[in-house]
Amino acid sequence: MNFQSFIFYFFAAMLVFAALRVITARNPVHSALFLVLAFFTAAALWMLLEAEFLAIALVLVYVGAVMVLFLFVVMMLDINLDRLREGYWDYLVPALIVAGVMVAEMAIILGARYFDLEGMPAPEPGGGDYSNTRELGLLIYTDYVYPFEIAAVILLVAIVAAIALTLRHRKDTKYIDPAKQVNVRRKDRVRMVSMPSEGKDEG
């Protein structure tokens, strides 16, 4: 085993561990942090495949923006962990069935003759004028334009849903109605009062 294979298996093991902790951690904040670790290790795997743009985009976009939004939403939801754990083991059997199906599908795909070292060799290093950003843009906006748009819509729906979850109306919550701010008039906020002037005390 060479050094590159060791690095690949190390980051792959870290990615699998982080993904498992995302769904098994009892604290939602810990799950979000393990998801950050999963993104970082996935970016390292992209670097091994010489896809530097994908690695940087994964760290900047998902770790730097999306995960910050997730953390804010998780902390603002005020989740009752005791209530969340109720009925946790009731979903164990369906979860094991789904996990078994996914593992079987990956085993079938990875065990095929097209996914061995001879069928999928390591990518050859590009030349001096090679740009993986340009090649990625050509693939996204030609062959994979519809899956790319569907993924963008799904992400937009997830962001809207995350924001909607935080807009719960509470009696003790103070908020401002923008419509009332826009429709306010000067005479409703400022009142001119005419007061008589007071004379100076005579000494």
C-alpha atoms as a PDB file:
ATOM      1  CA  MET A   1       0.000   0.000   0.000  1.00  0.00           C
ATOM      2  CA  ASN A   2       1.477   3.311  -1.101  1.00  0.00           C
ATOM      3  CA  PHE A   3       1.116   6.635   0.671  1.00  0.00           C
ATOM      4  CA  GLN A   4      -1.735   7.868  -1.553  1.00  0.00           C
ATOM      5  CA  SER A   5      -3.812   4.749  -0.845  1.00  0.00           C
ATOM      6  CA  PHE A   6      -3.186   5.145   2.888  1.00  0.00           C
ATOM      7  CA  ILE A   7      -4.379   8.767   2.763  1.00  0.00           C
ATOM      8  CA  PHE A   8      -7.469   7.730   0.801  1.00  0.00           C
ATOM      9  CA  TYR A   9      -8.466   4.985   3.244  1.00  0.00           C
ATOM     10  CA  PHE A  10      -7.792   7.265   6.217  1.00  0.00           C
ATOM     11  CA  PHE A  11     -10.076  10.027   4.954  1.00  0.00           C
ATOM     12  CA  ALA A  12     -12.652   7.475   3.780  1.00  0.00           C
ATOM     13  CA  ALA A  13     -12.778   5.952   7.277  1.00  0.00           C
ATOM     14  CA  MET A  14     -13.093   9.412   8.816  1.00  0.00           C
ATOM     15  CA  LEU A  15     -15.926  10.236   6.411  1.00  0.00           C
ATOM     16  CA  VAL A  16     -17.840   7.064   7.278  1.00  0.00           C
ATOM     17  CA  PHE A  17     -17.325   7.672  11.009  1.00  0.00           C
ATOM     18  CA  ALA A  18     -18.510  11.284  10.754  1.00  0.00           C
ATOM     19  CA  ALA A  19     -21.567  10.253   8.714  1.00  0.00           C
ATOM     20  CA  LEU A  20     -22.507   7.642  11.312  1.00  0.00           C
ATOM     21  CA  ARG A  21     -22.122  10.162  14.140  1.00  0.00           C
ATOM     22  CA  VAL A  22     -24.381  12.617  12.296  1.00  0.00           C
ATOM     23  CA  ILE A  23     -27.325  10.225  12.673  1.00  0.00           C
ATOM     24  CA  THR A  24     -26.368   8.655  16.011  1.00  0.00           C
ATOM     25  CA  ALA A  25     -25.341  11.700  18.068  1.00  0.00           C
ATOM     26  CA  ARG A  26     -28.039  12.630  20.580  1.00  0.00           C
ATOM     27  CA  ASN A  27     -27.205  16.323  20.629  1.00  0.00           C
ATOM     28  CA  PRO A  28     -28.288  18.121  17.421  1.00  0.00           C
ATOM     29  CA  VAL A  29     -25.378  20.558  17.696  1.00  0.00           C
ATOM     30  CA  HIS A  30     -22.940  17.638  17.839  1.00  0.00           C
ATOM     31  CA  SER A  31     -24.604  16.154  14.748  1.00  0.00           C
ATOM     32  CA  ALA A  32     -24.086  19.421  12.881  1.00  0.00           C
ATOM     33  CA  LEU A  33     -20.427  19.543  13.916  1.00  0.00           C
ATOM     34  CA  PHE A  34     -19.875  15.964  12.753  1.00  0.00           C
ATOM     35  CA  LEU A  35     -21.455  16.978   9.443  1.00  0.00           C
ATOM     36  CA  VAL A  36     -18.810  19.715   9.197  1.00  0.00           C
ATOM     37  CA  LEU A  37     -16.146  17.036   9.727  1.00  0.00           C
ATOM     38  CA  ALA A  38     -17.754  14.944   6.986  1.00  0.00           C
ATOM     39  CA  PHE A  39     -17.594  17.894   4.586  1.00  0.00           C
ATOM     40  CA  PHE A  40     -13.918  18.490   5.349  1.00  0.00           C
ATOM     41  CA  THR A  41     -12.985  14.848   4.779  1.00  0.00           C
ATOM     42  CA  ALA A  42     -15.010  14.767   1.555  1.00  0.00           C
ATOM     43  CA  ALA A  43     -13.109  17.863   0.408  1.00  0.00           C
ATOM     44  CA  ALA A  44      -9.846  16.020   1.117  1.00  0.00           C
ATOM     45  CA  LEU A  45     -11.021  13.151  -1.104  1.00  0.00           C
ATOM     46  CA  TRP A  46     -11.811  15.640  -3.858  1.00  0.00           C
ATOM     47  CA  MET A  47      -8.261  16.969  -3.525  1.00  0.00           C
ATOM     48  CA  LEU A  48      -6.911  13.461  -4.052  1.00  0.00           C
ATOM     49  CA  LEU A  49      -8.903  13.294  -7.295  1.00  0.00           C
ATOM     50  CA  GLU A  50      -7.325  16.604  -8.395  1.00  0.00           C
ATOM     51  CA  ALA A  51     -10.688  18.385  -8.233  1.00  0.00           C
ATOM     52  CA  GLU A  52      -9.471  21.400  -6.324  1.00  0.00           C
ATOM     53  CA  PHE A  53     -12.409  23.612  -7.266  1.00  0.00           C
ATOM     54  CA  LEU A  54     -14.940  21.118  -5.882  1.00  0.00           C
ATOM     55  CA  ALA A  55     -12.961  20.792  -2.654  1.00  0.00           C
ATOM     56  CA  ILE A  56     -12.748  24.548  -2.132  1.00  0.00           C
ATOM     57  CA  ALA A  57     -16.420  25.034  -3.028  1.00  0.00           C
ATOM     58  CA  LEU A  58     -17.437  22.310  -0.584  1.00  0.00           C
ATOM     59  CA  VAL A  59     -15.562  23.991   2.253  1.00  0.00           C
ATOM     60  CA  LEU A  60     -16.573  27.562   1.440  1.00  0.00           C
ATOM     61  CA  VAL A  61     -20.209  26.999   0.508  1.00  0.00           C
ATOM     62  CA  TYR A  62     -21.306  24.162   2.772  1.00  0.00           C
ATOM     63  CA  VAL A  63     -19.025  24.575   5.774  1.00  0.00           C
ATOM     64  CA  GLY A  64     -18.838  28.351   5.615  1.00  0.00           C
ATOM     65  CA  ALA A  65     -22.470  29.154   4.769  1.00  0.00           C
ATOM     66  CA  VAL A  66     -24.930  26.264   4.872  1.00  0.00           C
ATOM     67  CA  MET A  67     -23.637  24.705   8.080  1.00  0.00           C
ATOM     68  CA  VAL A  68     -23.634  28.073   9.833  1.00  0.00           C
ATOM     69  CA  LEU A  69     -27.310  28.381   8.897  1.00  0.00           C
ATOM     70  CA  PHE A  70     -27.982  24.871  10.200  1.00  0.00           C
ATOM     71  CA  LEU A  71     -26.256  25.637  13.493  1.00  0.00           C
ATOM     72  CA  PHE A  72     -28.257  28.834  13.975  1.00  0.00           C
ATOM     73  CA  VAL A  73     -31.508  27.001  13.214  1.00  0.00           C
ATOM     74  CA  VAL A  74     -30.667  24.141  15.581  1.00  0.00           C
ATOM     75  CA  MET A  75     -29.790  26.543  18.383  1.00  0.00           C
ATOM     76  CA  MET A  76     -32.883  28.700  17.811  1.00  0.00           C
ATOM     77  CA  LEU A  77     -35.362  25.816  17.666  1.00  0.00           C
ATOM     78  CA  ASP A  78     -35.017  25.076  21.395  1.00  0.00           C
ATOM     79  CA  ILE A  79     -35.419  21.333  20.807  1.00  0.00           C
ATOM     80  CA  ASN A  80     -36.655  19.221  23.706  1.00  0.00           C
ATOM     81  CA  LEU A  81     -34.165  16.338  23.671  1.00  0.00           C
ATOM     82  CA  ASP A  82     -36.180  14.173  26.074  1.00  0.00           C
ATOM     83  CA  ARG A  83     -39.243  14.400  23.865  1.00  0.00           C
ATOM     84  CA  LEU A  84     -37.119  13.845  20.767  1.00  0.00           C
ATOM     85  CA  ARG A  85     -35.764  10.569  22.150  1.00  0.00           C
ATOM     86  CA  GLU A  86     -39.242   9.161  22.726  1.00  0.00           C
ATOM     87  CA  GLY A  87     -39.900   6.308  20.306  1.00  0.00           C
ATOM     88  CA  TYR A  88     -36.273   6.330  19.124  1.00  0.00           C
ATOM     89  CA  TRP A  89     -35.966   2.535  19.080  1.00  0.00           C
ATOM     90  CA  ASP A  90     -39.280   2.124  17.242  1.00  0.00           C
ATOM     91  CA  TYR A  91     -37.557   3.161  14.034  1.00  0.00           C
ATOM     92  CA  LEU A  92     -34.605   0.796  14.440  1.00  0.00           C
ATOM     93  CA  VAL A  93     -36.006  -2.009  12.259  1.00  0.00           C
ATOM     94  CA  PRO A  94     -36.995   0.245   9.310  1.00  0.00           C
ATOM     95  CA  ALA A  95     -33.645   2.030   9.581  1.00  0.00           C
ATOM     96  CA  LEU A  96     -31.760  -1.286   9.462  1.00  0.00           C
ATOM     97  CA  ILE A  97     -33.778  -2.384   6.429  1.00  0.00           C
ATOM     98  CA  VAL A  98     -33.030   0.844   4.554  1.00  0.00           C
ATOM     99  CA  ALA A  99     -29.358   0.707   5.558  1.00  0.00           C
ATOM    100  CA  GLY A 100     -29.127  -2.921   4.403  1.00  0.00           C
ATOM    101  CA  VAL A 101     -30.624  -2.053   1.018  1.00  0.00           C
ATOM    102  CA  MET A 102     -28.170   0.833   0.589  1.00  0.00           C
ATOM    103  CA  VAL A 103     -25.192  -1.326   1.552  1.00  0.00           C
ATOM    104  CA  ALA A 104     -26.322  -4.039  -0.877  1.00  0.00           C
ATOM    105  CA  GLU A 105     -26.677  -1.507  -3.706  1.00  0.00           C
ATOM    106  CA  MET A 106     -23.194  -0.086  -3.039  1.00  0.00           C
ATOM    107  CA  ALA A 107     -21.730  -3.600  -2.885  1.00  0.00           C
ATOM    108  CA  ILE A 108     -23.310  -4.489  -6.233  1.00  0.00           C
ATOM    109  CA  ILE A 109     -22.041  -1.304  -7.872  1.00  0.00           C
ATOM    110  CA  LEU A 110     -18.550  -1.357  -6.374  1.00  0.00           C
ATOM    111  CA  GLY A 111     -18.204  -5.086  -6.959  1.00  0.00           C
ATOM    112  CA  ALA A 112     -18.796  -4.792 -10.674  1.00  0.00           C
ATOM    113  CA  ARG A 113     -15.963  -5.319 -13.099  1.00  0.00           C
ATOM    114  CA  TYR A 114     -16.057  -1.660 -14.118  1.00  0.00           C
ATOM    115  CA  PHE A 115     -15.051  -0.437 -10.669  1.00  0.00           C
ATOM    116  CA  ASP A 116     -11.732  -2.186 -10.128  1.00  0.00           C
ATOM    117  CA  LEU A 117      -8.294  -0.637 -10.361  1.00  0.00           C
ATOM    118  CA  GLU A 118      -7.910  -1.706 -13.998  1.00  0.00           C
ATOM    119  CA  GLY A 119     -11.315  -0.427 -15.044  1.00  0.00           C
ATOM    120  CA  MET A 120     -10.998   2.900 -13.206  1.00  0.00           C
ATOM    121  CA  PRO A 121      -7.340   3.889 -12.975  1.00  0.00           C
ATOM    122  CA  ALA A 122      -6.152   6.994 -11.186  1.00  0.00           C
ATOM    123  CA  PRO A 123      -6.720  10.198 -13.171  1.00  0.00           C
ATOM    124  CA  GLU A 124      -3.783  11.348 -15.201  1.00  0.00           C
ATOM    125  CA  PRO A 125      -2.307  14.690 -14.173  1.00  0.00           C
ATOM    126  CA  GLY A 126      -3.485  17.529 -16.387  1.00  0.00           C
ATOM    127  CA  GLY A 127      -1.237  19.773 -18.369  1.00  0.00           C
ATOM    128  CA  GLY A 128      -0.219  23.291 -17.565  1.00  0.00           C
ATOM    129  CA  ASP A 129      -3.245  24.822 -19.310  1.00  0.00           C
ATOM    130  CA  TYR A 130      -5.763  22.351 -17.842  1.00  0.00           C
ATOM    131  CA  SER A 131      -8.569  23.884 -15.780  1.00  0.00           C
ATOM    132  CA  ASN A 132     -10.867  21.565 -13.869  1.00  0.00           C
ATOM    133  CA  THR A 133     -13.137  24.533 -13.148  1.00  0.00           C
ATOM    134  CA  ARG A 134     -13.758  24.989 -16.878  1.00  0.00           C
ATOM    135  CA  GLU A 135     -14.317  21.269 -17.414  1.00  0.00           C
ATOM    136  CA  LEU A 136     -16.730  21.148 -14.484  1.00  0.00           C
ATOM    137  CA  GLY A 137     -18.680  24.121 -15.834  1.00  0.00           C
ATOM    138  CA  LEU A 138     -18.984  22.485 -19.254  1.00  0.00           C
ATOM    139  CA  LEU A 139     -20.324  19.263 -17.725  1.00  0.00           C
ATOM    140  CA  ILE A 140     -22.749  20.976 -15.338  1.00  0.00           C
ATOM    141  CA  TYR A 141     -24.331  23.248 -17.934  1.00  0.00           C
ATOM    142  CA  THR A 142     -24.458  20.689 -20.758  1.00  0.00           C
ATOM    143  CA  ASP A 143     -24.818  17.049 -19.698  1.00  0.00           C
ATOM    144  CA  TYR A 144     -25.966  17.552 -16.097  1.00  0.00           C
ATOM    145  CA  VAL A 145     -27.950  20.774 -16.305  1.00  0.00           C
ATOM    146  CA  TYR A 146     -31.259  19.215 -15.188  1.00  0.00           C
ATOM    147  CA  PRO A 147     -29.843  17.360 -12.137  1.00  0.00           C
ATOM    148  CA  PHE A 148     -28.010  20.566 -11.215  1.00  0.00           C
ATOM    149  CA  GLU A 149     -31.229  22.616 -11.350  1.00  0.00           C
ATOM    150  CA  ILE A 150     -33.135  19.972  -9.358  1.00  0.00           C
ATOM    151  CA  ALA A 151     -30.441  20.006  -6.661  1.00  0.00           C
ATOM    152  CA  ALA A 152     -30.643  23.804  -6.530  1.00  0.00           C
ATOM    153  CA  VAL A 153     -34.431  23.685  -6.063  1.00  0.00           C
ATOM    154  CA  ILE A 154     -34.119  21.068  -3.304  1.00  0.00           C
ATOM    155  CA  LEU A 155     -31.540  23.205  -1.505  1.00  0.00           C
ATOM    156  CA  LEU A 156     -33.771  26.280  -1.836  1.00  0.00           C
ATOM    157  CA  VAL A 157     -36.728  24.387  -0.370  1.00  0.00           C
ATOM    158  CA  ALA A 158     -34.544  23.214   2.525  1.00  0.00           C
ATOM    159  CA  ILE A 159     -33.436  26.780   3.277  1.00  0.00           C
ATOM    160  CA  VAL A 160     -37.016  28.071   3.181  1.00  0.00           C
ATOM    161  CA  ALA A 161     -38.145  25.241   5.457  1.00  0.00           C
ATOM    162  CA  ALA A 162     -35.322  25.950   7.909  1.00  0.00           C
ATOM    163  CA  ILE A 163     -36.287  29.623   8.065  1.00  0.00           C
ATOM    164  CA  ALA A 164     -39.984  28.761   8.437  1.00  0.00           C
ATOM    165  CA  LEU A 165     -39.216  26.543  11.431  1.00  0.00           C
ATOM    166  CA  THR A 166     -37.763  29.507  13.299  1.00  0.00           C
ATOM    167  CA  LEU A 167     -40.779  31.758  12.690  1.00  0.00           C
ATOM    168  CA  ARG A 168     -42.896  30.308  15.446  1.00  0.00           C
ATOM    169  CA  HIS A 169     -45.076  32.964  17.050  1.00  0.00           C
ATOM    170  CA  ARG A 170     -44.548  33.137  20.783  1.00  0.00           C
ATOM    171  CA  LYS A 171     -46.200  35.405  23.299  1.00  0.00           C
ATOM    172  CA  ASP A 172     -42.891  36.435  24.837  1.00  0.00           C
ATOM    173  CA  THR A 173     -41.202  37.148  21.499  1.00  0.00           C
ATOM    174  CA  LYS A 174     -40.771  40.760  20.423  1.00  0.00           C
ATOM    175  CA  TYR A 175     -40.824  41.337  16.697  1.00  0.00           C
ATOM    176  CA  ILE A 176     -41.316  44.232  14.296  1.00  0.00           C
ATOM    177  CA  ASP A 177     -43.932  44.332  11.562  1.00  0.00           C
ATOM    178  CA  PRO A 178     -42.238  45.796   8.454  1.00  0.00           C
ATOM    179  CA  ALA A 179     -45.604  46.685   6.895  1.00  0.00           C
ATOM    180  CA  LYS A 180     -46.467  48.970   9.809  1.00  0.00           C
ATOM    181  CA  GLN A 181     -43.033  50.595   9.596  1.00  0.00           C
ATOM    182  CA  VAL A 182     -43.472  51.348   5.906  1.00  0.00           C
ATOM    183  CA  ASN A 183     -47.019  52.720   6.269  1.00  0.00           C
ATOM    184  CA  VAL A 184     -46.251  54.981   9.214  1.00  0.00           C
ATOM    185  CA  ARG A 185     -47.036  58.703   8.839  1.00  0.00           C
ATOM    186  CA  ARG A 186     -45.265  61.664  10.287  1.00  0.00           C
ATOM    187  CA  LYS A 187     -48.295  62.964  12.201  1.00  0.00           C
ATOM    188  CA  ASP A 188     -48.679  59.574  13.876  1.00  0.00           C
ATOM    189  CA  ARG A 189     -45.168  59.660  15.303  1.00  0.00           C
ATOM    190  CA  VAL A 190     -44.505  63.340  15.923  1.00  0.00           C
ATOM    191  CA  ARG A 191     -46.852  65.591  17.884  1.00  0.00           C
ATOM    192  CA  MET A 192     -46.289  69.318  18.125  1.00  0.00           C
ATOM    193  CA  VAL A 193     -47.254  70.719  21.511  1.00  0.00           C
ATOM    194  CA  SER A 194     -47.613  74.466  22.100  1.00  0.00           C
ATOM    195  CA  MET A 195     -46.528  75.383  25.619  1.00  0.00           C
ATOM    196  CA  PRO A 196     -46.427  78.879  27.114  1.00  0.00           C
ATOM    197  CA  SER A 197     -43.027  80.210  27.921  1.00  0.00           C
ATOM    198  CA  GLU A 198     -42.109  80.632  31.540  1.00  0.00           C
ATOM    199  CA  GLY A 199     -40.849  83.987  32.753  1.00  0.00           C
ATOM    200  CA  LYS A 200     -37.587  84.389  34.631  1.00  0.00           C
ATOM    201  CA  ASP A 201     -37.693  84.571  38.395  1.00  0.00           C
ATOM    202  CA  GLU A 202     -37.209  88.068  39.685  1.00  0.00           C
ATOM    203  CA  GLY A 203     -34.346  88.432  42.129  1.00  0.00           C
END
